[in-house]
Protein backbone atom coordinates (compact mmCIF):
# COMPACT_ATOMS: atom_id res chain seq x y z
CA MET A 1 -5.46 -2.48 -24.59
CA PRO A 2 -4.80 -5.54 -26.81
CA PRO A 3 -4.40 -8.85 -24.95
CA ASN A 4 -0.89 -9.35 -26.33
CA ALA A 5 0.37 -5.95 -25.16
CA SER A 6 3.81 -6.04 -23.59
CA LEU A 7 5.16 -4.15 -20.62
CA ALA A 8 7.26 -2.03 -22.96
CA HIS A 9 4.12 -0.26 -24.18
CA LEU A 10 3.26 0.95 -20.67
CA PRO A 11 4.52 4.05 -18.85
CA LEU A 12 7.55 3.58 -16.62
CA THR A 13 5.59 3.41 -13.38
CA LEU A 14 3.38 0.60 -14.63
CA ARG A 15 6.33 -1.37 -15.99
CA ASN A 16 7.94 -1.12 -12.58
CA ILE A 17 4.90 -2.51 -10.75
CA ARG A 18 4.37 -5.38 -13.22
CA ALA A 19 0.85 -4.33 -14.13
CA LEU A 20 0.39 -7.35 -16.41
CA ALA A 21 0.64 -11.06 -15.78
CA PRO A 22 3.92 -12.68 -16.92
CA ASP A 23 2.32 -13.77 -20.21
CA GLY A 24 1.44 -10.14 -20.98
CA THR A 25 -2.30 -10.31 -20.33
CA PRO A 26 -4.05 -7.46 -18.48
CA PRO A 27 -6.43 -8.12 -15.58
CA PRO A 28 -9.80 -9.42 -16.80
CA ASP A 29 -12.84 -7.23 -16.22
CA ALA A 30 -10.69 -4.10 -15.95
CA PRO A 31 -12.16 -1.09 -17.80
CA ASP A 32 -10.29 0.10 -20.90
CA TRP A 33 -9.81 3.62 -19.54
CA ILE A 34 -7.30 2.52 -16.88
CA TRP A 35 -4.62 2.07 -19.57
CA GLN A 36 -4.67 5.80 -20.20
CA ILE A 37 -3.82 6.55 -16.56
CA ASP A 38 -0.39 5.92 -15.10
CA HIS A 39 -1.37 5.16 -11.53
CA PRO A 40 -0.29 2.08 -9.54
CA TYR A 41 -3.58 1.91 -7.62
CA LEU A 42 -5.52 1.41 -10.86
CA HIS A 43 -3.47 -1.54 -12.06
CA GLY A 44 -2.35 -4.99 -11.02
CA GLN A 45 -4.17 -6.28 -7.95
CA PHE A 46 -5.87 -2.88 -7.58
CA ALA A 47 -7.38 -2.74 -11.09
CA PRO A 48 -11.12 -2.12 -10.71
CA THR A 49 -13.77 -4.61 -11.75
CA SER A 50 -17.43 -3.85 -12.45
CA ARG A 51 -18.80 -7.40 -12.48
CA GLU A 52 -21.80 -8.18 -10.27
CA TYR A 53 -22.67 -11.87 -10.01
CA ASP A 54 -23.72 -14.84 -7.89
CA ALA A 55 -22.01 -18.24 -7.82
CA ASP A 56 -23.17 -21.36 -5.98
CA ASP A 57 -21.42 -24.63 -5.11
CA LEU A 58 -17.93 -23.20 -5.39
CA VAL A 59 -15.07 -25.59 -6.09
CA VAL A 60 -13.20 -26.49 -2.91
CA GLU A 61 -9.66 -27.78 -2.75
CA GLY A 62 -8.91 -29.47 0.56
CA ASP A 63 -11.16 -29.84 3.58
CA LEU A 64 -13.87 -27.25 4.12
CA PRO A 65 -14.90 -27.46 7.80
CA ALA A 66 -18.52 -28.46 8.37
CA ASP A 67 -18.68 -26.12 11.40
CA LEU A 68 -17.66 -23.05 9.38
CA TYR A 69 -21.05 -21.35 9.40
CA GLY A 70 -21.64 -17.77 8.29
CA ALA A 71 -20.28 -15.25 5.81
CA TYR A 72 -17.09 -13.28 5.16
CA VAL A 73 -17.91 -9.89 3.61
CA LEU A 74 -15.25 -7.52 2.27
CA ASN A 75 -15.80 -3.85 1.40
CA GLY A 76 -13.41 -1.87 -0.76
CA PRO A 77 -12.83 0.40 -3.76
CA SER A 78 -13.46 -0.42 -7.41
CA GLN A 79 -13.43 2.75 -9.51
CA ARG A 80 -16.31 2.64 -11.99
CA PHE A 81 -15.67 5.66 -14.20
CA ALA A 82 -12.47 7.37 -15.28
CA PRO A 83 -11.53 9.85 -12.53
CA PRO A 84 -11.78 13.54 -13.56
CA ASN A 85 -8.66 14.53 -11.60
CA LYS A 86 -5.86 12.79 -9.74
CA TYR A 87 -6.96 9.40 -8.50
CA HIS A 88 -6.42 8.34 -4.90
CA TYR A 89 -6.68 4.73 -3.74
CA TYR A 90 -9.43 5.73 -1.28
CA ASP A 91 -11.65 7.18 -4.03
CA GLY A 92 -13.02 4.02 -5.65
CA ASP A 93 -16.71 3.09 -5.65
CA ALA A 94 -17.75 0.63 -2.95
CA MET A 95 -17.92 -3.02 -3.94
CA LEU A 96 -18.97 -5.81 -1.57
CA ARG A 97 -17.59 -9.33 -1.98
CA ALA A 98 -19.21 -12.01 0.17
CA ILE A 99 -18.60 -15.73 0.56
CA TYR A 100 -21.21 -17.77 2.45
CA PHE A 101 -20.53 -21.05 4.24
CA ARG A 102 -23.32 -23.45 5.15
CA ASP A 103 -23.68 -27.24 5.25
CA GLY A 104 -20.09 -27.77 4.14
CA LYS A 105 -20.60 -25.76 0.94
CA ALA A 106 -19.67 -22.26 -0.20
CA SER A 107 -21.34 -19.65 -2.41
CA PHE A 108 -20.26 -16.17 -3.51
CA ARG A 109 -21.92 -12.85 -4.27
CA GLN A 110 -20.50 -9.52 -5.50
CA ARG A 111 -22.46 -6.27 -5.57
CA TRP A 112 -22.01 -2.51 -5.76
CA ILE A 113 -23.13 -0.42 -2.79
CA ARG A 114 -25.70 1.85 -4.39
CA ASN A 115 -25.50 4.90 -2.19
CA GLU A 116 -26.53 8.42 -3.20
CA ALA A 117 -23.27 9.32 -4.93
CA PHE A 118 -23.13 6.02 -6.84
CA VAL A 119 -26.67 6.48 -8.14
CA ALA A 120 -25.96 10.07 -9.22
CA GLU A 121 -22.89 9.02 -11.20
CA ASP A 122 -24.71 5.99 -12.59
CA ILE A 123 -27.39 8.28 -14.02
CA ALA A 124 -24.80 10.71 -15.39
CA GLY A 125 -22.68 7.91 -16.86
CA ARG A 126 -19.47 9.55 -15.64
CA ALA A 127 -17.57 10.54 -12.51
CA ILE A 128 -18.94 13.71 -10.91
CA TRP A 129 -17.02 14.17 -7.67
CA PRO A 130 -13.30 14.92 -7.59
CA GLY A 131 -11.05 12.60 -5.65
CA LEU A 132 -9.31 12.97 -2.33
CA ALA A 133 -6.28 14.52 -4.05
CA GLY A 134 -8.47 17.40 -5.31
CA PRO A 135 -9.07 20.01 -6.50
CA TYR A 136 -12.35 20.11 -4.59
CA ASN A 137 -15.74 21.33 -5.70
CA PHE A 138 -17.68 22.78 -2.79
CA ALA A 139 -20.70 23.36 -5.03
CA LEU A 140 -21.46 19.63 -5.10
CA LEU A 141 -24.13 18.32 -2.76
CA GLY A 142 -23.09 16.39 0.31
CA SER A 143 -19.34 16.85 0.16
CA PRO A 144 -16.63 18.42 -1.97
CA ILE A 145 -15.47 14.83 -2.51
CA LYS A 146 -17.52 11.67 -2.99
CA ASP A 147 -18.86 9.86 0.05
CA SER A 148 -18.16 6.42 -1.43
CA SER A 149 -19.06 4.28 1.62
CA ASN A 150 -16.19 2.01 0.59
CA THR A 151 -14.21 1.63 3.83
CA ASP A 152 -15.84 -0.55 6.44
CA VAL A 153 -18.73 -2.96 6.89
CA VAL A 154 -20.25 -4.07 10.20
CA LEU A 155 -23.18 -6.29 11.16
CA TYR A 156 -25.69 -4.44 13.31
CA ALA A 157 -29.35 -5.09 14.18
CA GLY A 158 -29.70 -7.74 11.46
CA LYS A 159 -28.28 -5.53 8.69
CA LEU A 160 -24.91 -4.67 7.28
CA LEU A 161 -23.78 -1.06 7.64
CA SER A 162 -21.31 0.34 5.11
CA LEU A 163 -19.18 3.18 6.46
CA TRP A 164 -16.76 5.75 5.06
CA TYR A 165 -13.46 6.61 6.73
CA MET A 166 -13.93 10.40 6.30
CA ALA A 167 -17.25 10.25 8.17
CA GLY A 168 -20.18 9.91 5.79
CA GLN A 169 -23.72 8.60 5.65
CA PRO A 170 -24.07 4.99 6.81
CA TYR A 171 -25.98 2.70 4.45
CA ALA A 172 -28.01 -0.37 5.39
CA ILE A 173 -27.49 -3.49 3.29
CA ASP A 174 -29.22 -6.87 3.28
CA PRO A 175 -26.60 -9.35 4.53
CA LEU A 176 -27.82 -12.17 2.26
CA THR A 177 -28.68 -10.43 -1.01
CA LEU A 178 -26.24 -7.50 -0.59
CA GLU A 179 -29.05 -5.23 -1.79
CA THR A 180 -28.59 -1.61 -0.68
CA LEU A 181 -31.62 -0.78 1.47
CA GLY A 182 -30.97 2.95 1.94
CA ARG A 183 -29.54 5.30 4.52
CA GLU A 184 -29.36 4.04 8.08
CA GLN A 185 -30.89 6.68 10.36
CA PHE A 186 -31.35 4.75 13.63
CA SER A 187 -35.15 5.06 13.58
CA GLY A 188 -34.87 8.72 12.60
CA GLY A 189 -32.49 9.70 15.39
CA LEU A 190 -29.28 10.09 13.37
CA ARG A 191 -28.81 13.64 12.07
CA HIS A 192 -25.12 13.61 11.23
CA SER A 193 -22.45 11.40 9.71
CA LEU A 194 -20.75 8.27 11.08
CA SER A 195 -17.13 7.29 10.64
CA ALA A 196 -15.74 3.89 9.78
CA HIS A 197 -14.79 1.45 12.55
CA SER A 198 -17.92 1.75 14.60
CA LYS A 199 -18.16 -1.41 16.71
CA THR A 200 -21.00 -3.78 17.55
CA ASP A 201 -20.70 -5.36 20.98
CA PRO A 202 -21.31 -9.11 20.40
CA ARG A 203 -22.76 -9.52 23.90
CA THR A 204 -25.20 -6.59 23.99
CA GLY A 205 -25.83 -5.96 20.28
CA GLU A 206 -25.22 -2.22 20.80
CA LEU A 207 -23.34 -0.16 18.22
CA PHE A 208 -20.65 2.22 19.50
CA TRP A 209 -19.71 4.93 17.03
CA PHE A 210 -17.89 8.21 16.54
CA THR A 211 -17.77 10.87 13.86
CA TYR A 212 -15.66 13.94 13.16
CA ALA A 213 -15.91 17.20 11.21
CA ASN A 214 -13.97 20.31 10.14
CA THR A 215 -16.26 22.60 12.15
CA PRO A 216 -17.33 22.45 15.81
CA PRO A 217 -18.15 20.11 17.35
CA TYR A 218 -15.07 18.43 15.91
CA MET A 219 -16.08 15.02 17.24
CA ARG A 220 -19.24 13.28 18.37
CA TYR A 221 -19.58 9.95 20.14
CA GLY A 222 -22.59 7.80 20.77
CA VAL A 223 -24.41 4.51 21.08
CA ALA A 224 -27.25 2.85 19.18
CA SER A 225 -29.29 0.18 20.93
CA ALA A 226 -29.57 -3.44 19.82
CA ASN A 227 -32.99 -2.73 18.29
CA GLY A 228 -31.74 0.07 16.03
CA GLU A 229 -32.44 3.23 18.00
CA LEU A 230 -30.04 6.07 18.79
CA VAL A 231 -29.78 6.21 22.58
CA HIS A 232 -26.66 8.29 23.23
CA ASP A 233 -25.12 11.17 21.23
CA ILE A 234 -22.71 13.73 22.71
CA ALA A 235 -20.22 16.32 21.46
CA ILE A 236 -16.55 15.82 22.37
CA ASP A 237 -14.46 18.94 22.95
CA LEU A 238 -11.25 18.94 20.87
CA PRO A 239 -8.69 21.71 20.22
CA GLY A 240 -9.52 21.73 16.51
CA PRO A 241 -10.42 19.51 13.55
CA ARG A 242 -8.86 16.05 13.72
CA SER A 243 -8.77 12.89 11.61
CA PRO A 244 -9.22 9.90 13.95
CA HIS A 245 -9.73 6.54 12.28
CA ASP A 246 -10.80 4.10 14.98
CA LEU A 247 -12.04 3.82 18.57
CA GLY A 248 -11.47 1.31 21.32
CA LEU A 249 -14.08 -0.49 23.42
CA THR A 250 -13.87 -2.26 26.79
CA GLU A 251 -16.55 -3.72 29.04
CA HIS A 252 -17.30 -0.32 30.62
CA TYR A 253 -15.50 2.29 28.48
CA ALA A 254 -14.89 3.60 25.00
CA ILE A 255 -11.49 5.05 24.01
CA LEU A 256 -11.47 8.05 21.65
CA HIS A 257 -8.44 9.32 19.75
CA ASP A 258 -7.03 12.85 19.37
CA LEU A 259 -3.88 12.36 17.27
CA PRO A 260 -1.34 14.88 15.94
CA LEU A 261 -1.90 14.10 12.24
CA PHE A 262 -4.54 16.44 10.87
CA GLN A 263 -5.28 18.80 8.04
CA ASP A 264 -4.83 22.56 7.97
CA ALA A 265 -8.44 23.71 8.21
CA GLU A 266 -7.59 27.28 7.16
CA LEU A 267 -5.94 26.14 3.93
CA LEU A 268 -8.95 23.98 3.16
CA ARG A 269 -11.30 26.92 3.72
CA THR A 270 -9.33 29.67 1.98
CA ARG A 271 -7.35 27.89 -0.71
CA ASN A 272 -9.35 24.74 -1.36
CA ARG A 273 -6.38 22.58 -0.44
CA ARG A 274 -6.29 19.56 1.87
CA VAL A 275 -2.84 19.57 3.46
CA ILE A 276 -2.24 17.01 6.21
CA ARG A 277 0.71 17.48 8.54
CA PHE A 278 2.19 15.44 11.37
CA HIS A 279 2.78 17.69 14.38
CA ARG A 280 5.75 16.01 16.04
CA ASN A 281 5.65 18.19 19.14
CA VAL A 282 2.00 17.49 19.92
CA PRO A 283 1.29 14.41 22.07
CA ALA A 284 -1.15 11.72 21.06
CA ARG A 285 -4.19 11.82 23.34
CA PHE A 286 -6.51 8.96 24.22
CA GLY A 287 -9.81 9.71 25.92
CA VAL A 288 -11.35 7.07 28.16
CA ILE A 289 -15.08 7.66 28.63
CA PRO A 290 -17.82 5.53 30.18
CA ARG A 291 -19.80 3.81 27.46
CA ARG A 292 -22.74 6.13 27.98
CA GLY A 293 -20.79 8.86 29.71
CA GLN A 294 -21.05 12.60 29.27
CA ALA A 295 -18.35 14.81 27.78
CA ASP A 296 -17.17 16.03 31.19
CA GLU A 297 -16.49 12.43 32.24
CA ILE A 298 -13.83 11.79 29.62
CA ARG A 299 -10.28 11.21 30.92
CA TRP A 300 -7.52 12.24 28.50
CA PHE A 301 -4.16 10.45 28.64
CA GLU A 302 -1.12 11.77 26.75
CA ALA A 303 1.30 9.49 24.90
CA GLU A 304 4.22 9.80 22.48
CA PRO A 305 3.27 11.54 19.20
CA CYS A 306 2.04 9.06 16.60
CA TYR A 307 -0.87 8.11 14.41
CA LEU A 308 -3.03 5.03 14.88
CA LEU A 309 -5.19 3.60 12.14
CA HIS A 310 -6.48 0.38 13.63
CA VAL A 311 -7.05 -0.81 17.18
CA ILE A 312 -6.53 -4.52 17.85
CA ASN A 313 -8.45 -4.74 21.13
CA CYS A 314 -8.93 -3.02 24.50
CA TRP A 315 -9.78 -4.32 27.95
CA GLU A 316 -9.78 -3.46 31.65
CA GLU A 317 -7.52 -4.97 34.28
CA GLY A 318 -7.96 -3.53 37.78
CA ASP A 319 -7.24 0.21 37.58
CA TRP A 320 -5.72 -0.19 34.12
CA VAL A 321 -7.25 0.17 30.67
CA HIS A 322 -5.14 -1.47 27.97
CA GLN A 323 -5.22 -0.66 24.25
CA LEU A 324 -3.41 -2.65 21.56
CA GLY A 325 -3.01 -1.34 18.04
CA CYS A 326 -0.79 -0.83 15.02
CA ARG A 327 1.07 2.41 15.75
CA ILE A 328 2.55 4.65 13.03
CA PRO A 329 5.49 6.45 14.67
CA ASN A 330 6.02 8.81 11.71
CA PRO A 331 3.14 9.00 9.23
CA GLU A 332 4.94 11.54 7.01
CA ARG A 333 6.98 9.56 4.50
CA PRO A 334 9.54 10.95 2.04
CA VAL A 335 8.30 11.60 -1.48
CA ASP A 336 9.76 9.37 -4.19
CA PRO A 337 10.86 11.63 -7.11
CA GLU A 338 9.97 8.87 -9.58
CA ASP A 339 6.31 9.25 -8.63
CA GLY A 340 6.16 12.74 -10.15
CA ALA A 341 2.78 14.41 -9.66
CA LEU A 342 1.61 11.45 -7.59
CA GLY A 343 4.45 11.79 -5.09
CA ASN A 344 2.51 13.26 -2.18
CA VAL A 345 -0.49 10.99 -2.76
CA LEU A 346 1.58 7.81 -2.76
CA ALA A 347 3.99 8.78 0.03
CA TYR A 348 1.31 8.56 2.73
CA ARG A 349 0.51 5.00 1.65
CA ARG A 350 4.08 3.83 2.38
CA ARG A 351 4.07 3.82 6.12
CA ILE A 352 5.79 1.87 8.85
CA HIS A 353 3.48 0.29 11.43
CA GLU A 354 4.42 -1.42 14.68
CA LEU A 355 2.50 -3.67 17.02
CA TYR A 356 2.07 -1.55 20.15
CA ARG A 357 0.50 -1.43 23.60
CA TRP A 358 -0.77 1.57 25.60
CA SER A 359 -1.91 1.25 29.23
CA PHE A 360 -3.79 3.96 31.14
CA ASN A 361 -4.23 3.94 34.92
CA LEU A 362 -7.59 5.40 35.90
CA ARG A 363 -6.51 5.92 39.51
CA THR A 364 -3.01 7.44 39.14
CA ASN A 365 -3.23 8.83 35.56
CA GLU A 366 -0.02 6.92 34.72
CA VAL A 367 0.60 6.00 31.08
CA ARG A 368 2.73 3.08 30.00
CA GLU A 369 3.45 2.34 26.36
CA GLY A 370 5.77 0.21 24.31
CA ARG A 371 6.33 -1.77 21.14
CA ILE A 372 5.45 -5.46 20.98
CA ASP A 373 6.94 -6.20 17.55
CA ASP A 374 8.65 -4.15 14.85
CA ALA A 375 7.45 -6.07 11.78
CA ASN A 376 5.46 -3.88 9.39
CA THR A 377 1.96 -5.25 9.99
CA GLU A 378 -1.53 -3.81 9.87
CA PHE A 379 -5.25 -4.62 9.37
CA PRO A 380 -5.45 -6.66 12.62
CA ARG A 381 -8.36 -8.95 13.42
CA ILE A 382 -9.30 -10.78 16.62
CA ASN A 383 -11.84 -13.39 17.59
CA PRO A 384 -14.99 -11.19 17.70
CA ASN A 385 -16.20 -12.91 20.87
CA ARG A 386 -13.25 -11.26 22.69
CA LEU A 387 -14.03 -7.66 21.69
CA GLY A 388 -13.60 -5.48 24.80
CA ARG A 389 -12.29 -8.37 26.90
CA ARG A 390 -8.78 -9.66 27.45
CA SER A 391 -7.32 -11.30 24.37
CA HIS A 392 -3.89 -12.48 23.29
CA LEU A 393 -4.24 -13.35 19.58
CA SER A 394 -4.22 -10.98 16.62
CA PHE A 395 -4.21 -11.92 12.94
CA ASN A 396 -2.47 -9.24 10.87
CA GLN A 397 -1.37 -8.64 7.30
CA LEU A 398 2.35 -8.30 6.61
CA LEU A 399 3.31 -5.26 4.54
CA PRO A 400 6.67 -4.86 2.83
CA VAL A 401 9.07 -2.22 4.07
CA PRO A 402 8.66 0.93 1.92
CA GLY A 403 11.14 1.02 -0.94
CA THR A 404 10.97 -2.67 -1.79
CA GLU A 405 11.13 -3.23 -5.55
CA GLY A 406 8.00 -3.98 -7.54
CA LEU A 407 4.31 -3.65 -6.78
CA SER A 408 4.66 -4.68 -3.13
CA GLY A 409 7.15 -1.95 -2.28
CA ARG A 410 5.38 0.78 -4.21
CA CYS A 411 1.88 0.06 -2.94
CA GLN A 412 2.37 -1.92 0.28
CA THR A 413 0.36 -4.96 -0.72
CA PHE A 414 -0.60 -7.66 1.78
CA ASP A 415 1.99 -10.38 1.18
CA ALA A 416 1.57 -12.67 4.21
CA LEU A 417 -0.68 -13.48 7.16
CA ILE A 418 0.73 -13.27 10.69
CA ARG A 419 -0.71 -14.81 13.84
CA TYR A 420 0.53 -12.86 16.86
CA ASP A 421 0.53 -13.76 20.51
CA THR A 422 0.31 -10.17 21.76
CA ASP A 423 1.32 -11.21 25.28
CA THR A 424 4.72 -12.56 24.20
CA GLY A 425 5.25 -11.17 20.69
CA ALA A 426 5.61 -14.72 19.34
CA SER A 427 4.24 -15.17 15.83
CA GLN A 428 3.38 -17.62 13.07
CA LEU A 429 3.70 -16.67 9.40
CA TYR A 430 2.04 -17.83 6.21
CA THR A 431 3.37 -16.22 3.01
CA TYR A 432 0.83 -16.11 0.17
CA GLY A 433 3.41 -16.56 -2.58
CA ASP A 434 5.10 -14.53 -5.30
CA GLY A 435 2.59 -12.21 -6.94
CA ILE A 436 -0.26 -13.34 -4.64
CA HIS A 437 -1.84 -10.74 -2.38
CA GLY A 438 -4.31 -11.09 0.47
CA ASN A 439 -6.98 -9.02 2.18
CA GLU A 440 -8.05 -8.31 5.74
CA ALA A 441 -8.65 -11.69 7.38
CA PRO A 442 -11.58 -12.06 9.83
CA VAL A 443 -11.68 -14.66 12.56
CA ALA A 444 -14.71 -16.95 12.36
CA PRO A 445 -15.52 -18.73 15.64
CA ARG A 446 -16.33 -22.38 15.09
CA ARG A 447 -20.08 -23.04 15.08
CA GLY A 448 -21.04 -23.82 18.65
CA ALA A 449 -17.98 -22.14 20.19
CA GLY A 450 -19.33 -19.91 22.92
CA PRO A 451 -17.86 -16.66 24.25
CA GLU A 452 -15.71 -18.54 26.78
CA ALA A 453 -14.19 -20.88 24.20
CA PRO A 454 -10.45 -20.56 23.45
CA GLU A 455 -9.60 -17.74 21.06
CA ASP A 456 -8.17 -20.14 18.52
CA ASP A 457 -11.26 -22.36 18.46
CA ALA A 458 -11.96 -20.67 15.17
CA TYR A 459 -11.00 -20.28 11.54
CA VAL A 460 -9.21 -17.43 9.77
CA LEU A 461 -10.27 -16.45 6.24
CA THR A 462 -8.83 -14.25 3.54
CA PHE A 463 -9.48 -13.52 -0.12
CA VAL A 464 -6.34 -13.74 -2.25
CA THR A 465 -5.70 -12.76 -5.85
CA ASP A 466 -2.87 -14.24 -7.90
CA THR A 467 -1.52 -11.64 -10.36
CA ASN A 468 0.29 -14.41 -12.25
CA ASP A 469 -2.97 -15.70 -13.73
CA TRP A 470 -5.61 -13.32 -12.21
CA SER A 471 -7.32 -16.12 -10.28
CA SER A 472 -8.87 -15.51 -6.87
CA ALA A 473 -9.70 -17.75 -3.94
CA CYS A 474 -10.77 -17.74 -0.32
CA LEU A 475 -8.25 -19.41 1.98
CA VAL A 476 -9.49 -21.09 5.18
CA PHE A 477 -6.96 -21.57 8.02
CA ASP A 478 -7.22 -23.19 11.42
CA ALA A 479 -6.67 -20.32 13.86
CA ALA A 480 -4.61 -22.60 16.10
CA ASP A 481 -1.80 -22.90 13.52
CA ILE A 482 -1.75 -20.85 10.33
CA SER A 483 1.84 -21.85 9.55
CA ARG A 484 0.56 -25.21 8.26
CA GLY A 485 -1.18 -23.34 5.46
CA PRO A 486 -4.86 -23.29 4.50
CA ARG A 487 -6.89 -26.41 5.15
CA ALA A 488 -9.20 -25.35 2.32
CA ARG A 489 -8.92 -23.18 -0.77
CA VAL A 490 -12.26 -22.10 -2.25
CA ARG A 491 -12.05 -20.96 -5.85
CA ILE A 492 -13.77 -17.67 -6.74
CA PRO A 493 -15.02 -17.62 -10.36
CA HIS A 494 -13.69 -14.14 -11.22
CA ARG A 495 -10.87 -11.89 -10.08
CA ILE A 496 -11.35 -9.98 -6.82
CA SER A 497 -9.81 -6.52 -6.70
CA ALA A 498 -8.11 -5.42 -3.47
CA GLY A 499 -10.42 -4.41 -0.64
CA PHE A 500 -10.28 -2.52 2.64
CA HIS A 501 -12.20 -3.85 5.66
CA CYS A 502 -14.37 -6.86 6.31
CA ALA A 503 -16.80 -8.49 8.71
CA TRP A 504 -17.56 -12.02 9.81
CA LEU A 505 -21.32 -12.64 9.95
CA PRO A 506 -22.26 -15.56 12.26
CA GLY A 507 -24.62 -17.96 10.53
CA ASP A 508 -27.11 -18.00 13.38
CA GLN A 509 -27.59 -14.24 12.86
CA ILE A 510 -28.06 -14.19 9.09
CA PHE A 511 -29.43 -17.60 8.00
CA THR A 512 -33.08 -18.27 8.83
């Protein structure tokens, strides 16, 4: 597409989402083929980039804290080749973006995750697997769709693990070079997939994980030890195939999810169609199980029907187990006729989320639940030192209400950062600015802040991209008061495309 192209030359959908900067320039580093595809998740902030590079001594505006020590790593999609069928936002190839902080300076690195599917398509020079929207090809090895490993990234046993939300093969990655080391098999013990949002306990170093499948057993749960060995792996009995996305963890328990949003397994088997439905008359179920418990020890608690993508935190208090998360009361959204063939694909991305609390009494079986705040927020992050223990702060991304004009309303971009007190519902807000969009924001404990330090003795980080000039930066906030704005803005040399999930890597665990 010529640099001086105007919005009038683009299809209606792209004109509506302002795919170009105000001066008419397209995103740099975007492949030429995207201009042949009228899809909002291939344009604007979401336009893929294929650049791999390193950059040292990044330019800093403001005051970069000397005790900010470690790395912020973001995983997410960046479609490399033109998709053979309908594109879905979750289809893109996995790209890691990492900013490292040490000695008051910052450096940056961006790399592809070279898993099995990436290598196969790299050799072929084209996309091989169909996307999530289908149609599927069950003759392909591994999966009828591509296991992209693009969803989550966690630090475990000295390595990064990249994970896929539909339960795929975990990949080990060097946390400093971002080199893909190969499949993670837990010293040969792992013989099945892992889902995204496995959790590393910062106190024990253990990894708590789950996975799910379309055939029995529909869920598995387990633990890997701090030295990289699989030490616990059990089947969980469910009524049928489910699509959980996260799990909770407390000091003594894990919390597994059986939620009434799942696909029709018979349609997938007989008609090669993935149809997800929300079953409004089926309760949400949350299973509390001892960390290394057996399947017959799980305690199921029923709650109001809903879906839950991301847990904020869980902890124990006497007989009670509390779970905080971003609840989706009705995950089935109306289809916008203007989206045409993409209507069903895009509708599920325009959801309403609410800050929510569930409490389960292990003695009486009582369930209490209720909303904390009704703002549309998601992608919550807490101080990692508080995982599984009582916390009261959550740092979320603000999403626009579905139907808002422009890119934000069509795609639910991250337009502001919110600091919540989950005890009171009080909040602080920092808006990124018109045309500027953020990413999931990890909490980085200040160097030297121990596990008993205040939750806000930390910094909050996020990558932002400005679609007005296609510049990107990393913003550094004091966790105690984000409303004052970032204390430092670190310039990133090239545009960062939108990502999914991230990790904070403490410097004392990665720098030697």
